[in-house]
Amino acid sequence: CASSIAQHAGVACFEPESIAIYEQRKAEFKRRR
């Protein structure tokens, strides 16, 4: 199986608070490009 700790943590990636962080970082990647 994949790492159990990583899997339980991965669920939190899809919470709105997390997605907002990732979208800000995506905007920063675009700025760098």
PDB file of all heavy atoms in Angstrom:
ATOM      1  N   CYS A   1       0.848  -1.191   0.000  1.00  0.00           N
ATOM      2  CA  CYS A   1       0.000   0.000   0.000  1.00  0.00           C
ATOM      3  C   CYS A   1       0.881   1.238   0.000  1.00  0.00           C
ATOM      4  O   CYS A   1       2.080   1.157   0.262  1.00  0.00           O
ATOM      5  CB  CYS A   1      -0.932   0.020   1.227  1.00  0.00           C
ATOM      6  SG  CYS A   1      -0.079   0.189   2.808  1.00  0.00           S
ATOM      7  N   ALA A   2       0.273   2.366  -0.298  1.00  0.00           N
ATOM      8  CA  ALA A   2       0.973   3.641  -0.124  1.00  0.00           C
ATOM      9  C   ALA A   2       1.059   3.957   1.364  1.00  0.00           C
ATOM     10  O   ALA A   2       0.322   3.391   2.181  1.00  0.00           O
ATOM     11  CB  ALA A   2       0.228   4.749  -0.863  1.00  0.00           C
ATOM     12  N   SER A   3       1.943   4.872   1.726  1.00  0.00           N
ATOM     13  CA  SER A   3       2.113   5.263   3.127  1.00  0.00           C
ATOM     14  C   SER A   3       0.775   5.650   3.755  1.00  0.00           C
ATOM     15  O   SER A   3       0.051   6.508   3.232  1.00  0.00           O
ATOM     16  CB  SER A   3       3.066   6.463   3.202  1.00  0.00           C
ATOM     17  OG  SER A   3       2.904   7.170   4.405  1.00  0.00           O
ATOM     18  N   SER A   4       0.446   5.030   4.879  1.00  0.00           N
ATOM     19  CA  SER A   4      -0.840   5.319   5.531  1.00  0.00           C
ATOM     20  C   SER A   4      -0.874   6.754   6.047  1.00  0.00           C
ATOM     21  O   SER A   4      -1.902   7.435   5.940  1.00  0.00           O
ATOM     22  CB  SER A   4      -1.098   4.326   6.666  1.00  0.00           C
ATOM     23  OG  SER A   4      -0.049   4.347   7.614  1.00  0.00           O
ATOM     24  N   ILE A   5       0.243   7.242   6.587  1.00  0.00           N
ATOM     25  CA  ILE A   5       0.282   8.617   7.093  1.00  0.00           C
ATOM     26  C   ILE A   5       0.040   9.601   5.948  1.00  0.00           C
ATOM     27  O   ILE A   5      -0.759  10.534   6.058  1.00  0.00           O
ATOM     28  CB  ILE A   5       1.634   8.924   7.770  1.00  0.00           C
ATOM     29  CG1 ILE A   5       1.846   7.998   8.970  1.00  0.00           C
ATOM     30  CG2 ILE A   5       1.706  10.380   8.203  1.00  0.00           C
ATOM     31  CD1 ILE A   5       3.249   8.069   9.539  1.00  0.00           C
ATOM     32  N   ALA A   6       0.738   9.377   4.812  1.00  0.00           N
ATOM     33  CA  ALA A   6       0.570  10.261   3.665  1.00  0.00           C
ATOM     34  C   ALA A   6      -0.862  10.239   3.152  1.00  0.00           C
ATOM     35  O   ALA A   6      -1.415  11.274   2.756  1.00  0.00           O
ATOM     36  CB  ALA A   6       1.540   9.864   2.557  1.00  0.00           C
ATOM     37  N   GLN A   7      -1.493   9.075   3.176  1.00  0.00           N
ATOM     38  CA  GLN A   7      -2.881   8.984   2.699  1.00  0.00           C
ATOM     39  C   GLN A   7      -3.835   9.795   3.572  1.00  0.00           C
ATOM     40  O   GLN A   7      -4.666  10.553   3.065  1.00  0.00           O
ATOM     41  CB  GLN A   7      -3.340   7.529   2.666  1.00  0.00           C
ATOM     42  CG  GLN A   7      -2.688   6.692   1.584  1.00  0.00           C
ATOM     43  CD  GLN A   7      -3.345   5.328   1.475  1.00  0.00           C
ATOM     44  OE1 GLN A   7      -4.521   5.215   1.162  1.00  0.00           O
ATOM     45  NE2 GLN A   7      -2.574   4.290   1.764  1.00  0.00           N
ATOM     46  N   HIS A   8      -3.720   9.635   4.882  1.00  0.00           N
ATOM     47  CA  HIS A   8      -4.600  10.398   5.781  1.00  0.00           C
ATOM     48  C   HIS A   8      -4.343  11.900   5.643  1.00  0.00           C
ATOM     49  O   HIS A   8      -5.277  12.707   5.694  1.00  0.00           O
ATOM     50  CB  HIS A   8      -4.394   9.937   7.232  1.00  0.00           C
ATOM     51  CG  HIS A   8      -4.947   8.566   7.508  1.00  0.00           C
ATOM     52  ND1 HIS A   8      -6.295   8.292   7.473  1.00  0.00           N
ATOM     53  CD2 HIS A   8      -4.330   7.393   7.806  1.00  0.00           C
ATOM     54  CE1 HIS A   8      -6.496   7.013   7.748  1.00  0.00           C
ATOM     55  NE2 HIS A   8      -5.313   6.442   7.954  1.00  0.00           N
ATOM     56  N   ALA A   9      -3.086  12.262   5.439  1.00  0.00           N
ATOM     57  CA  ALA A   9      -2.758  13.676   5.233  1.00  0.00           C
ATOM     58  C   ALA A   9      -3.316  14.157   3.900  1.00  0.00           C
ATOM     59  O   ALA A   9      -3.815  15.287   3.792  1.00  0.00           O
ATOM     60  CB  ALA A   9      -1.251  13.873   5.275  1.00  0.00           C
ATOM     61  N   GLY A  10      -3.262  13.292   2.890  1.00  0.00           N
ATOM     62  CA  GLY A  10      -3.693  13.671   1.554  1.00  0.00           C
ATOM     63  C   GLY A  10      -5.153  14.080   1.476  1.00  0.00           C
ATOM     64  O   GLY A  10      -5.519  14.927   0.646  1.00  0.00           O
ATOM     65  N   VAL A  11      -5.983  13.510   2.332  1.00  0.00           N
ATOM     66  CA  VAL A  11      -7.402  13.876   2.342  1.00  0.00           C
ATOM     67  C   VAL A  11      -7.558  15.376   2.571  1.00  0.00           C
ATOM     68  O   VAL A  11      -8.415  16.048   1.973  1.00  0.00           O
ATOM     69  CB  VAL A  11      -8.176  13.070   3.408  1.00  0.00           C
ATOM     70  CG1 VAL A  11      -9.633  13.515   3.478  1.00  0.00           C
ATOM     71  CG2 VAL A  11      -8.096  11.572   3.100  1.00  0.00           C
ATOM     72  N   ALA A  12      -6.685  15.929   3.419  1.00  0.00           N
ATOM     73  CA  ALA A  12      -6.770  17.355   3.767  1.00  0.00           C
ATOM     74  C   ALA A  12      -6.362  18.260   2.611  1.00  0.00           C
ATOM     75  O   ALA A  12      -6.642  19.466   2.635  1.00  0.00           O
ATOM     76  CB  ALA A  12      -5.898  17.647   4.989  1.00  0.00           C
ATOM     77  N   CYS A  13      -5.713  17.709   1.577  1.00  0.00           N
ATOM     78  CA  CYS A  13      -5.336  18.526   0.409  1.00  0.00           C
ATOM     79  C   CYS A  13      -6.555  19.139  -0.262  1.00  0.00           C
ATOM     80  O   CYS A  13      -6.448  20.197  -0.889  1.00  0.00           O
ATOM     81  CB  CYS A  13      -4.597  17.664  -0.613  1.00  0.00           C
ATOM     82  SG  CYS A  13      -2.898  17.278  -0.174  1.00  0.00           S
ATOM     83  N   PHE A  14      -7.699  18.473  -0.151  1.00  0.00           N
ATOM     84  CA  PHE A  14      -8.876  18.873  -0.901  1.00  0.00           C
ATOM     85  C   PHE A  14      -9.816  19.774  -0.105  1.00  0.00           C
ATOM     86  O   PHE A  14     -10.880  20.150  -0.597  1.00  0.00           O
ATOM     87  CB  PHE A  14      -9.604  17.624  -1.410  1.00  0.00           C
ATOM     88  CG  PHE A  14      -8.717  16.751  -2.263  1.00  0.00           C
ATOM     89  CD1 PHE A  14      -8.105  15.619  -1.737  1.00  0.00           C
ATOM     90  CD2 PHE A  14      -8.462  17.082  -3.580  1.00  0.00           C
ATOM     91  CE1 PHE A  14      -7.274  14.825  -2.514  1.00  0.00           C
ATOM     92  CE2 PHE A  14      -7.629  16.293  -4.369  1.00  0.00           C
ATOM     93  CZ  PHE A  14      -7.032  15.156  -3.833  1.00  0.00           C
ATOM     94  N   GLU A  15      -9.428  20.113   1.124  1.00  0.00           N
ATOM     95  CA  GLU A  15     -10.231  21.042   1.910  1.00  0.00           C
ATOM     96  C   GLU A  15     -10.104  22.453   1.323  1.00  0.00           C
ATOM     97  O   GLU A  15      -9.050  22.815   0.782  1.00  0.00           O
ATOM     98  CB  GLU A  15      -9.759  21.036   3.366  1.00  0.00           C
ATOM     99  CG  GLU A  15      -9.978  19.701   4.077  1.00  0.00           C
ATOM    100  CD  GLU A  15      -9.385  19.671   5.469  1.00  0.00           C
ATOM    101  OE1 GLU A  15      -8.771  20.692   5.882  1.00  0.00           O
ATOM    102  OE2 GLU A  15      -9.514  18.634   6.150  1.00  0.00           O
ATOM    103  N   PRO A  16     -11.152  23.246   1.383  1.00  0.00           N
ATOM    104  CA  PRO A  16     -11.110  24.598   0.785  1.00  0.00           C
ATOM    105  C   PRO A  16      -9.927  25.433   1.254  1.00  0.00           C
ATOM    106  O   PRO A  16      -9.317  26.171   0.455  1.00  0.00           O
ATOM    107  CB  PRO A  16     -12.443  25.208   1.220  1.00  0.00           C
ATOM    108  CG  PRO A  16     -13.358  24.039   1.405  1.00  0.00           C
ATOM    109  CD  PRO A  16     -12.491  22.929   1.928  1.00  0.00           C
ATOM    110  N   GLU A  17      -9.584  25.324   2.534  1.00  0.00           N
ATOM    111  CA  GLU A  17      -8.449  26.092   3.056  1.00  0.00           C
ATOM    112  C   GLU A  17      -7.153  25.702   2.350  1.00  0.00           C
ATOM    113  O   GLU A  17      -6.319  26.568   2.011  1.00  0.00           O
ATOM    114  CB  GLU A  17      -8.317  25.846   4.565  1.00  0.00           C
ATOM    115  CG  GLU A  17      -7.178  26.632   5.211  1.00  0.00           C
ATOM    116  CD  GLU A  17      -6.980  26.272   6.678  1.00  0.00           C
ATOM    117  OE1 GLU A  17      -7.741  25.410   7.204  1.00  0.00           O
ATOM    118  OE2 GLU A  17      -6.053  26.836   7.303  1.00  0.00           O
ATOM    119  N   SER A  18      -6.967  24.402   2.105  1.00  0.00           N
ATOM    120  CA  SER A  18      -5.762  23.934   1.415  1.00  0.00           C
ATOM    121  C   SER A  18      -5.764  24.375  -0.047  1.00  0.00           C
ATOM    122  O   SER A  18      -4.750  24.864  -0.562  1.00  0.00           O
ATOM    123  CB  SER A  18      -5.664  22.409   1.501  1.00  0.00           C
ATOM    124  OG  SER A  18      -5.573  21.979   2.838  1.00  0.00           O
ATOM    125  N   ILE A  19      -6.892  24.200  -0.731  1.00  0.00           N
ATOM    126  CA  ILE A  19      -6.980  24.569  -2.142  1.00  0.00           C
ATOM    127  C   ILE A  19      -6.665  26.051  -2.329  1.00  0.00           C
ATOM    128  O   ILE A  19      -5.989  26.443  -3.291  1.00  0.00           O
ATOM    129  CB  ILE A  19      -8.369  24.227  -2.714  1.00  0.00           C
ATOM    130  CG1 ILE A  19      -8.579  22.710  -2.736  1.00  0.00           C
ATOM    131  CG2 ILE A  19      -8.544  24.826  -4.109  1.00  0.00           C
ATOM    132  CD1 ILE A  19      -7.661  21.944  -3.659  1.00  0.00           C
ATOM    133  N   ALA A  20      -7.112  26.893  -1.412  1.00  0.00           N
ATOM    134  CA  ALA A  20      -6.821  28.333  -1.502  1.00  0.00           C
ATOM    135  C   ALA A  20      -5.311  28.580  -1.463  1.00  0.00           C
ATOM    136  O   ALA A  20      -4.786  29.424  -2.203  1.00  0.00           O
ATOM    137  CB  ALA A  20      -7.515  29.080  -0.369  1.00  0.00           C
ATOM    138  N   ILE A  21      -4.618  27.833  -0.614  1.00  0.00           N
ATOM    139  CA  ILE A  21      -3.155  27.956  -0.529  1.00  0.00           C
ATOM    140  C   ILE A  21      -2.507  27.525  -1.844  1.00  0.00           C
ATOM    141  O   ILE A  21      -1.625  28.209  -2.390  1.00  0.00           O
ATOM    142  CB  ILE A  21      -2.613  27.121   0.643  1.00  0.00           C
ATOM    143  CG1 ILE A  21      -3.092  27.695   1.975  1.00  0.00           C
ATOM    144  CG2 ILE A  21      -1.086  27.042   0.603  1.00  0.00           C
ATOM    145  CD1 ILE A  21      -2.835  26.799   3.179  1.00  0.00           C
ATOM    146  N   TYR A  22      -2.962  26.378  -2.373  1.00  0.00           N
ATOM    147  CA  TYR A  22      -2.364  25.865  -3.606  1.00  0.00           C
ATOM    148  C   TYR A  22      -2.620  26.797  -4.786  1.00  0.00           C
ATOM    149  O   TYR A  22      -1.753  26.949  -5.658  1.00  0.00           O
ATOM    150  CB  TYR A  22      -2.891  24.456  -3.904  1.00  0.00           C
ATOM    151  CG  TYR A  22      -2.507  23.445  -2.846  1.00  0.00           C
ATOM    152  CD1 TYR A  22      -3.457  22.626  -2.253  1.00  0.00           C
ATOM    153  CD2 TYR A  22      -1.186  23.320  -2.425  1.00  0.00           C
ATOM    154  CE1 TYR A  22      -3.109  21.709  -1.279  1.00  0.00           C
ATOM    155  CE2 TYR A  22      -0.824  22.403  -1.444  1.00  0.00           C
ATOM    156  CZ  TYR A  22      -1.793  21.610  -0.873  1.00  0.00           C
ATOM    157  OH  TYR A  22      -1.447  20.703   0.099  1.00  0.00           O
ATOM    158  N   GLU A  23      -3.782  27.421  -4.818  1.00  0.00           N
ATOM    159  CA  GLU A  23      -4.080  28.331  -5.924  1.00  0.00           C
ATOM    160  C   GLU A  23      -3.211  29.595  -5.842  1.00  0.00           C
ATOM    161  O   GLU A  23      -2.789  30.130  -6.866  1.00  0.00           O
ATOM    162  CB  GLU A  23      -5.567  28.682  -5.930  1.00  0.00           C
ATOM    163  CG  GLU A  23      -6.455  27.551  -6.427  1.00  0.00           C
ATOM    164  CD  GLU A  23      -6.152  27.167  -7.867  1.00  0.00           C
ATOM    165  OE1 GLU A  23      -6.286  28.029  -8.753  1.00  0.00           O
ATOM    166  OE2 GLU A  23      -5.756  25.996  -8.105  1.00  0.00           O
ATOM    167  N   GLN A  24      -2.915  30.046  -4.620  1.00  0.00           N
ATOM    168  CA  GLN A  24      -1.997  31.180  -4.471  1.00  0.00           C
ATOM    169  C   GLN A  24      -0.600  30.807  -4.976  1.00  0.00           C
ATOM    170  O   GLN A  24       0.067  31.596  -5.649  1.00  0.00           O
ATOM    171  CB  GLN A  24      -1.922  31.595  -2.993  1.00  0.00           C
ATOM    172  CG  GLN A  24      -3.183  32.290  -2.479  1.00  0.00           C
ATOM    173  CD  GLN A  24      -3.123  32.523  -0.976  1.00  0.00           C
ATOM    174  OE1 GLN A  24      -2.171  32.114  -0.298  1.00  0.00           O
ATOM    175  NE2 GLN A  24      -4.143  33.175  -0.438  1.00  0.00           N
ATOM    176  N   ARG A  25      -0.168  29.597  -4.649  1.00  0.00           N
ATOM    177  CA  ARG A  25       1.146  29.142  -5.085  1.00  0.00           C
ATOM    178  C   ARG A  25       1.190  28.962  -6.602  1.00  0.00           C
ATOM    179  O   ARG A  25       2.201  29.267  -7.246  1.00  0.00           O
ATOM    180  CB  ARG A  25       1.504  27.832  -4.368  1.00  0.00           C
ATOM    181  CG  ARG A  25       1.693  28.019  -2.867  1.00  0.00           C
ATOM    182  CD  ARG A  25       1.889  26.700  -2.168  1.00  0.00           C
ATOM    183  NE  ARG A  25       2.169  26.879  -0.736  1.00  0.00           N
ATOM    184  CZ  ARG A  25       2.400  25.889   0.115  1.00  0.00           C
ATOM    185  NH1 ARG A  25       2.391  24.636  -0.323  1.00  0.00           N
ATOM    186  NH2 ARG A  25       2.643  26.144   1.393  1.00  0.00           N
ATOM    187  N   LYS A  26       0.099  28.483  -7.162  1.00  0.00           N
ATOM    188  CA  LYS A  26       0.009  28.357  -8.624  1.00  0.00           C
ATOM    189  C   LYS A  26       0.166  29.728  -9.282  1.00  0.00           C
ATOM    190  O   LYS A  26       0.887  29.863 -10.283  1.00  0.00           O
ATOM    191  CB  LYS A  26      -1.332  27.729  -8.999  1.00  0.00           C
ATOM    192  CG  LYS A  26      -1.597  27.660 -10.492  1.00  0.00           C
ATOM    193  CD  LYS A  26      -2.971  27.045 -10.755  1.00  0.00           C
ATOM    194  CE  LYS A  26      -3.340  27.097 -12.215  1.00  0.00           C
ATOM    195  NZ  LYS A  26      -4.664  26.463 -12.470  1.00  0.00           N
ATOM    196  N   ALA A  27      -0.476  30.742  -8.729  1.00  0.00           N
ATOM    197  CA  ALA A  27      -0.352  32.102  -9.260  1.00  0.00           C
ATOM    198  C   ALA A  27       1.095  32.580  -9.180  1.00  0.00           C
ATOM    199  O   ALA A  27       1.587  33.283 -10.078  1.00  0.00           O
ATOM    200  CB  ALA A  27      -1.275  33.051  -8.512  1.00  0.00           C
ATOM    201  N   GLU A  28       1.793  32.185  -8.118  1.00  0.00           N
ATOM    202  CA  GLU A  28       3.199  32.562  -7.980  1.00  0.00           C
ATOM    203  C   GLU A  28       4.054  31.863  -9.036  1.00  0.00           C
ATOM    204  O   GLU A  28       4.957  32.477  -9.633  1.00  0.00           O
ATOM    205  CB  GLU A  28       3.705  32.223  -6.580  1.00  0.00           C
ATOM    206  CG  GLU A  28       5.203  32.428  -6.360  1.00  0.00           C
ATOM    207  CD  GLU A  28       5.688  33.861  -6.576  1.00  0.00           C
ATOM    208  OE1 GLU A  28       4.861  34.796  -6.628  1.00  0.00           O
ATOM    209  OE2 GLU A  28       6.920  34.043  -6.710  1.00  0.00           O
ATOM    210  N   PHE A  29       3.783  30.590  -9.322  1.00  0.00           N
ATOM    211  CA  PHE A  29       4.501  29.900 -10.392  1.00  0.00           C
ATOM    212  C   PHE A  29       4.301  30.617 -11.726  1.00  0.00           C
ATOM    213  O   PHE A  29       5.241  30.798 -12.498  1.00  0.00           O
ATOM    214  CB  PHE A  29       4.025  28.446 -10.513  1.00  0.00           C
ATOM    215  CG  PHE A  29       4.634  27.500  -9.507  1.00  0.00           C
ATOM    216  CD1 PHE A  29       3.830  26.626  -8.796  1.00  0.00           C
ATOM    217  CD2 PHE A  29       6.001  27.471  -9.291  1.00  0.00           C
ATOM    218  CE1 PHE A  29       4.383  25.745  -7.877  1.00  0.00           C
ATOM    219  CE2 PHE A  29       6.567  26.598  -8.365  1.00  0.00           C
ATOM    220  CZ  PHE A  29       5.750  25.727  -7.664  1.00  0.00           C
ATOM    221  N   LYS A  30       3.074  31.023 -12.003  1.00  0.00           N
ATOM    222  CA  LYS A  30       2.793  31.733 -13.264  1.00  0.00           C
ATOM    223  C   LYS A  30       3.563  33.058 -13.313  1.00  0.00           C
ATOM    224  O   LYS A  30       4.099  33.439 -14.356  1.00  0.00           O
ATOM    225  CB  LYS A  30       1.294  31.985 -13.418  1.00  0.00           C
ATOM    226  CG  LYS A  30       0.923  32.683 -14.722  1.00  0.00           C
ATOM    227  CD  LYS A  30      -0.582  32.885 -14.845  1.00  0.00           C
ATOM    228  CE  LYS A  30      -0.949  33.496 -16.200  1.00  0.00           C
ATOM    229  NZ  LYS A  30      -0.395  34.847 -16.380  1.00  0.00           N
ATOM    230  N   ARG A  31       3.617  33.764 -12.184  1.00  0.00           N
ATOM    231  CA  ARG A  31       4.357  35.027 -12.121  1.00  0.00           C
ATOM    232  C   ARG A  31       5.826  34.796 -12.447  1.00  0.00           C
ATOM    233  O   ARG A  31       6.455  35.584 -13.175  1.00  0.00           O
ATOM    234  CB  ARG A  31       4.203  35.643 -10.728  1.00  0.00           C
ATOM    235  CG  ARG A  31       4.793  37.044 -10.589  1.00  0.00           C
ATOM    236  CD  ARG A  31       4.441  37.655  -9.241  1.00  0.00           C
ATOM    237  NE  ARG A  31       5.289  37.163  -8.175  1.00  0.00           N
ATOM    238  CZ  ARG A  31       6.381  37.798  -7.725  1.00  0.00           C
ATOM    239  NH1 ARG A  31       6.763  38.947  -8.268  1.00  0.00           N
ATOM    240  NH2 ARG A  31       7.088  37.306  -6.732  1.00  0.00           N
ATOM    241  N   ARG A  32       6.381  33.708 -11.940  1.00  0.00           N
ATOM    242  CA  ARG A  32       7.782  33.385 -12.216  1.00  0.00           C
ATOM    243  C   ARG A  32       7.981  33.046 -13.694  1.00  0.00           C
ATOM    244  O   ARG A  32       8.967  33.463 -14.310  1.00  0.00           O
ATOM    245  CB  ARG A  32       8.223  32.204 -11.348  1.00  0.00           C
ATOM    246  CG  ARG A  32       8.225  32.499  -9.856  1.00  0.00           C
ATOM    247  CD  ARG A  32       8.479  31.215  -9.077  1.00  0.00           C
ATOM    248  NE  ARG A  32       8.395  31.416  -7.638  1.00  0.00           N
ATOM    249  CZ  ARG A  32       8.535  30.431  -6.760  1.00  0.00           C
ATOM    250  NH1 ARG A  32       8.751  29.197  -7.185  1.00  0.00           N
ATOM    251  NH2 ARG A  32       8.439  30.676  -5.468  1.00  0.00           N
ATOM    252  N   ARG A  33       7.051  32.266 -14.246  1.00  0.00           N
ATOM    253  CA  ARG A  33       7.145  31.947 -15.675  1.00  0.00           C
ATOM    254  C   ARG A  33       7.154  33.213 -16.510  1.00  0.00           C
ATOM    255  O   ARG A  33       7.968  33.369 -17.445  1.00  0.00           O
ATOM    256  CB  ARG A  33       5.965  31.065 -16.087  1.00  0.00           C
ATOM    257  CG  ARG A  33       6.001  30.669 -17.565  1.00  0.00           C
ATOM    258  CD  ARG A  33       4.632  30.291 -18.100  1.00  0.00           C
ATOM    259  NE  ARG A  33       3.684  31.412 -18.121  1.00  0.00           N
ATOM    260  CZ  ARG A  33       2.502  31.357 -18.720  1.00  0.00           C
ATOM    261  NH1 ARG A  33       2.110  30.259 -19.330  1.00  0.00           N
ATOM    262  NH2 ARG A  33       1.693  32.414 -18.691  1.00  0.00           N
TER     263      ARG A  33
END
